[in-house]
Structure formats: C-alpha cells, structure tokens
Amino acid sequence: MCSQAGIPPKAASQKFLECLQEGLNVDPILYAPFTYDAANMLIDAMKKANSADPAKYLPELAKLSFTGATGQIEFDDKGDRKTPRWTIFTMKGGKIEPIAIIKGGASMRWTST
C-alpha cells in the first residue's frame, strides 16, 4: 500500500469528465484535473487583479475560493490547500489501484466503477 497527494483522475467532477469525453473522447490522465484547476485559478486571479503581473495576481490567487474538477479549493495562510485530498493505493495484478480517498481527515472507500 502507498499514498499519494490528490485524487484518482476518474474521481474528478462529473462535469470535467464529461467535457473530456464529449470534446476530446479521452479519459483523464494522472494530473489533468489538477492542471485544469490550476490554470483556471490563475486565470481567475489574473482577472481579479486585472493583470498578468505575478506581484499583482498572486495575492488574489491566495484569496480565491474556487470550485473545480478536484473539488473546493482554498488556501491557508501558508499557501497550502485547506482541505487536501490523499489517495491510498494497493497493488493488484501488477497495477497500482486506488482503494480510498482521504479528505479533511475522513476516509472514503474508492471504486473505479
């Protein structure tokens, strides 16, 4: 067994998964939902700051409350995600398979079906 920060790609929001299927006819790869959220958060922060200057948009990014493909995202005073998610994996048939997701200290069983 092992753990990894984040969620399995197929645990992303239904809207995100449907957009990938309808628009590109692909399944999400490992970091796709996180990259999607990060890009959209940067865009939102730049819009709020009315600037692409990091000195101006980074303070806006720190204040965002964003609902994305990986869930609700907010940052604490240190810049860490307030409710991080972790996935617990096990090895089955030579493949690493997710079995649980931990969010806010609570664990929920994960099935990929």
C-alpha atoms as a PDB file:
ATOM      1  CA  MET A   1       0.000   0.000   0.000  1.00  0.00           C
ATOM      2  CA  CYS A   2       1.056   3.583  -0.579  1.00  0.00           C
ATOM      3  CA  SER A   3      -0.398   7.089  -0.517  1.00  0.00           C
ATOM      4  CA  GLN A   4      -0.258   9.993  -2.942  1.00  0.00           C
ATOM      5  CA  ALA A   5      -1.458  13.568  -2.681  1.00  0.00           C
ATOM      6  CA  GLY A   6      -4.584  14.235  -4.710  1.00  0.00           C
ATOM      7  CA  ILE A   7      -7.370  12.107  -6.116  1.00  0.00           C
ATOM      8  CA  PRO A   8      -7.523   9.480  -8.858  1.00  0.00           C
ATOM      9  CA  PRO A   9      -8.244  11.211 -12.201  1.00  0.00           C
ATOM     10  CA  LYS A  10     -11.601   9.424 -12.515  1.00  0.00           C
ATOM     11  CA  ALA A  11     -12.653  10.920  -9.154  1.00  0.00           C
ATOM     12  CA  ALA A  12     -12.699  14.391 -10.724  1.00  0.00           C
ATOM     13  CA  SER A  13     -16.007  16.224 -11.106  1.00  0.00           C
ATOM     14  CA  GLN A  14     -18.567  14.675 -13.426  1.00  0.00           C
ATOM     15  CA  LYS A  15     -18.662  17.908 -15.473  1.00  0.00           C
ATOM     16  CA  PHE A  16     -14.902  17.725 -16.083  1.00  0.00           C
ATOM     17  CA  LEU A  17     -15.051  14.035 -17.053  1.00  0.00           C
ATOM     18  CA  GLU A  18     -17.991  14.632 -19.438  1.00  0.00           C
ATOM     19  CA  CYS A  19     -16.176  17.530 -21.129  1.00  0.00           C
ATOM     20  CA  LEU A  20     -13.151  15.316 -21.773  1.00  0.00           C
ATOM     21  CA  GLN A  21     -15.336  12.570 -23.235  1.00  0.00           C
ATOM     22  CA  GLU A  22     -17.584  14.825 -25.312  1.00  0.00           C
ATOM     23  CA  GLY A  23     -14.915  17.236 -26.512  1.00  0.00           C
ATOM     24  CA  LEU A  24     -11.866  15.020 -26.888  1.00  0.00           C
ATOM     25  CA  ASN A  25     -13.118  11.443 -26.416  1.00  0.00           C
ATOM     26  CA  VAL A  26     -10.374  10.740 -23.871  1.00  0.00           C
ATOM     27  CA  ASP A  27     -10.151   9.621 -20.260  1.00  0.00           C
ATOM     28  CA  PRO A  28      -8.283  11.897 -17.839  1.00  0.00           C
ATOM     29  CA  ILE A  29      -4.608  11.225 -17.293  1.00  0.00           C
ATOM     30  CA  LEU A  30      -2.891  11.474 -13.902  1.00  0.00           C
ATOM     31  CA  TYR A  31      -2.600  15.236 -13.384  1.00  0.00           C
ATOM     32  CA  ALA A  32      -5.219  16.507 -15.853  1.00  0.00           C
ATOM     33  CA  PRO A  33      -7.842  17.595 -13.276  1.00  0.00           C
ATOM     34  CA  PHE A  34      -5.196  19.381 -11.178  1.00  0.00           C
ATOM     35  CA  THR A  35      -3.717  21.158 -14.197  1.00  0.00           C
ATOM     36  CA  TYR A  36      -7.211  22.191 -15.297  1.00  0.00           C
ATOM     37  CA  ASP A  37      -7.959  23.644 -11.848  1.00  0.00           C
ATOM     38  CA  ALA A  38      -4.582  25.385 -11.587  1.00  0.00           C
ATOM     39  CA  ALA A  39      -4.964  27.042 -14.996  1.00  0.00           C
ATOM     40  CA  ASN A  40      -8.493  28.218 -14.221  1.00  0.00           C
ATOM     41  CA  MET A  41      -7.460  29.555 -10.821  1.00  0.00           C
ATOM     42  CA  LEU A  42      -4.600  31.513 -12.378  1.00  0.00           C
ATOM     43  CA  ILE A  43      -6.982  32.946 -14.970  1.00  0.00           C
ATOM     44  CA  ASP A  44      -9.456  33.966 -12.237  1.00  0.00           C
ATOM     45  CA  ALA A  45      -6.715  35.567 -10.151  1.00  0.00           C
ATOM     46  CA  MET A  46      -5.392  37.498 -13.166  1.00  0.00           C
ATOM     47  CA  LYS A  47      -8.900  38.727 -13.970  1.00  0.00           C
ATOM     48  CA  LYS A  48      -9.430  39.867 -10.373  1.00  0.00           C
ATOM     49  CA  ALA A  49      -6.054  41.652 -10.387  1.00  0.00           C
ATOM     50  CA  ASN A  50      -6.630  42.938 -13.927  1.00  0.00           C
ATOM     51  CA  SER A  51      -3.011  41.998 -14.562  1.00  0.00           C
ATOM     52  CA  ALA A  52      -0.705  39.163 -15.617  1.00  0.00           C
ATOM     53  CA  ASP A  53       1.986  40.511 -13.274  1.00  0.00           C
ATOM     54  CA  PRO A  54       2.636  37.881 -10.570  1.00  0.00           C
ATOM     55  CA  ALA A  55       3.160  40.620  -7.981  1.00  0.00           C
ATOM     56  CA  LYS A  56      -0.441  41.668  -8.610  1.00  0.00           C
ATOM     57  CA  TYR A  57      -2.268  38.383  -9.235  1.00  0.00           C
ATOM     58  CA  LEU A  58      -0.601  36.125  -6.631  1.00  0.00           C
ATOM     59  CA  PRO A  59      -2.273  37.931  -3.687  1.00  0.00           C
ATOM     60  CA  GLU A  60      -5.612  37.400  -5.483  1.00  0.00           C
ATOM     61  CA  LEU A  61      -4.816  33.726  -6.015  1.00  0.00           C
ATOM     62  CA  ALA A  62      -4.187  33.290  -2.291  1.00  0.00           C
ATOM     63  CA  LYS A  63      -7.694  34.646  -1.524  1.00  0.00           C
ATOM     64  CA  LEU A  64      -9.617  32.545  -4.059  1.00  0.00           C
ATOM     65  CA  SER A  65     -12.373  30.157  -3.099  1.00  0.00           C
ATOM     66  CA  PHE A  66     -12.687  28.004  -6.211  1.00  0.00           C
ATOM     67  CA  THR A  67     -14.840  25.009  -7.087  1.00  0.00           C
ATOM     68  CA  GLY A  68     -13.028  22.968  -9.700  1.00  0.00           C
ATOM     69  CA  ALA A  69     -12.600  19.482 -11.087  1.00  0.00           C
ATOM     70  CA  THR A  70     -10.854  18.344  -7.889  1.00  0.00           C
ATOM     71  CA  GLY A  71     -13.368  19.928  -5.508  1.00  0.00           C
ATOM     72  CA  GLN A  72     -13.412  23.081  -3.418  1.00  0.00           C
ATOM     73  CA  ILE A  73     -10.025  24.801  -3.318  1.00  0.00           C
ATOM     74  CA  GLU A  74      -8.977  27.398  -0.776  1.00  0.00           C
ATOM     75  CA  PHE A  75      -5.577  28.122   0.706  1.00  0.00           C
ATOM     76  CA  ASP A  76      -4.453  28.627   4.293  1.00  0.00           C
ATOM     77  CA  ASP A  77      -2.019  31.322   5.493  1.00  0.00           C
ATOM     78  CA  LYS A  78       0.941  29.154   4.439  1.00  0.00           C
ATOM     79  CA  GLY A  79      -0.399  28.673   0.903  1.00  0.00           C
ATOM     80  CA  ASP A  80      -1.401  25.030   1.439  1.00  0.00           C
ATOM     81  CA  ARG A  81      -4.784  23.710   0.353  1.00  0.00           C
ATOM     82  CA  LYS A  82      -7.204  23.924   3.303  1.00  0.00           C
ATOM     83  CA  THR A  83      -8.831  20.545   2.640  1.00  0.00           C
ATOM     84  CA  PRO A  84      -6.197  18.449   0.909  1.00  0.00           C
ATOM     85  CA  ARG A  85      -7.076  15.088  -0.552  1.00  0.00           C
ATOM     86  CA  TRP A  86      -4.951  11.944  -0.420  1.00  0.00           C
ATOM     87  CA  THR A  87      -5.411   8.641  -2.163  1.00  0.00           C
ATOM     88  CA  ILE A  88      -4.479   5.261  -0.710  1.00  0.00           C
ATOM     89  CA  PHE A  89      -3.378   2.713  -3.311  1.00  0.00           C
ATOM     90  CA  THR A  90      -2.766  -1.016  -3.327  1.00  0.00           C
ATOM     91  CA  MET A  91      -1.092  -3.280  -5.861  1.00  0.00           C
ATOM     92  CA  LYS A  92      -3.421  -5.601  -7.803  1.00  0.00           C
ATOM     93  CA  GLY A  93      -2.354  -7.729 -10.741  1.00  0.00           C
ATOM     94  CA  GLY A  94       0.828  -5.722 -11.189  1.00  0.00           C
ATOM     95  CA  LYS A  95      -1.046  -2.395 -11.260  1.00  0.00           C
ATOM     96  CA  ILE A  96      -1.426   0.289  -8.633  1.00  0.00           C
ATOM     97  CA  GLU A  97      -5.151   0.685  -7.882  1.00  0.00           C
ATOM     98  CA  PRO A  98      -6.800   3.347  -5.691  1.00  0.00           C
ATOM     99  CA  ILE A  99      -8.797   1.962  -2.765  1.00  0.00           C
ATOM    100  CA  ALA A 100      -9.607   5.033  -0.626  1.00  0.00           C
ATOM    101  CA  ILE A 101      -9.617   8.829  -0.680  1.00  0.00           C
ATOM    102  CA  ILE A 102      -8.921  10.859   2.447  1.00  0.00           C
ATOM    103  CA  LYS A 103     -10.431  14.354   2.647  1.00  0.00           C
ATOM    104  CA  GLY A 104     -10.319  16.541   5.724  1.00  0.00           C
ATOM    105  CA  GLY A 105      -9.200  13.600   7.858  1.00  0.00           C
ATOM    106  CA  ALA A 106     -12.125  11.379   6.779  1.00  0.00           C
ATOM    107  CA  SER A 107     -11.583   8.317   4.630  1.00  0.00           C
ATOM    108  CA  MET A 108     -13.999   7.065   1.960  1.00  0.00           C
ATOM    109  CA  ARG A 109     -13.751   3.857   0.002  1.00  0.00           C
ATOM    110  CA  TRP A 110     -12.990   4.311  -3.707  1.00  0.00           C
ATOM    111  CA  THR A 111     -14.199   2.092  -6.512  1.00  0.00           C
ATOM    112  CA  SER A 112     -13.430   2.985 -10.109  1.00  0.00           C
ATOM    113  CA  THR A 113     -16.686   1.579 -11.462  1.00  0.00           C
END
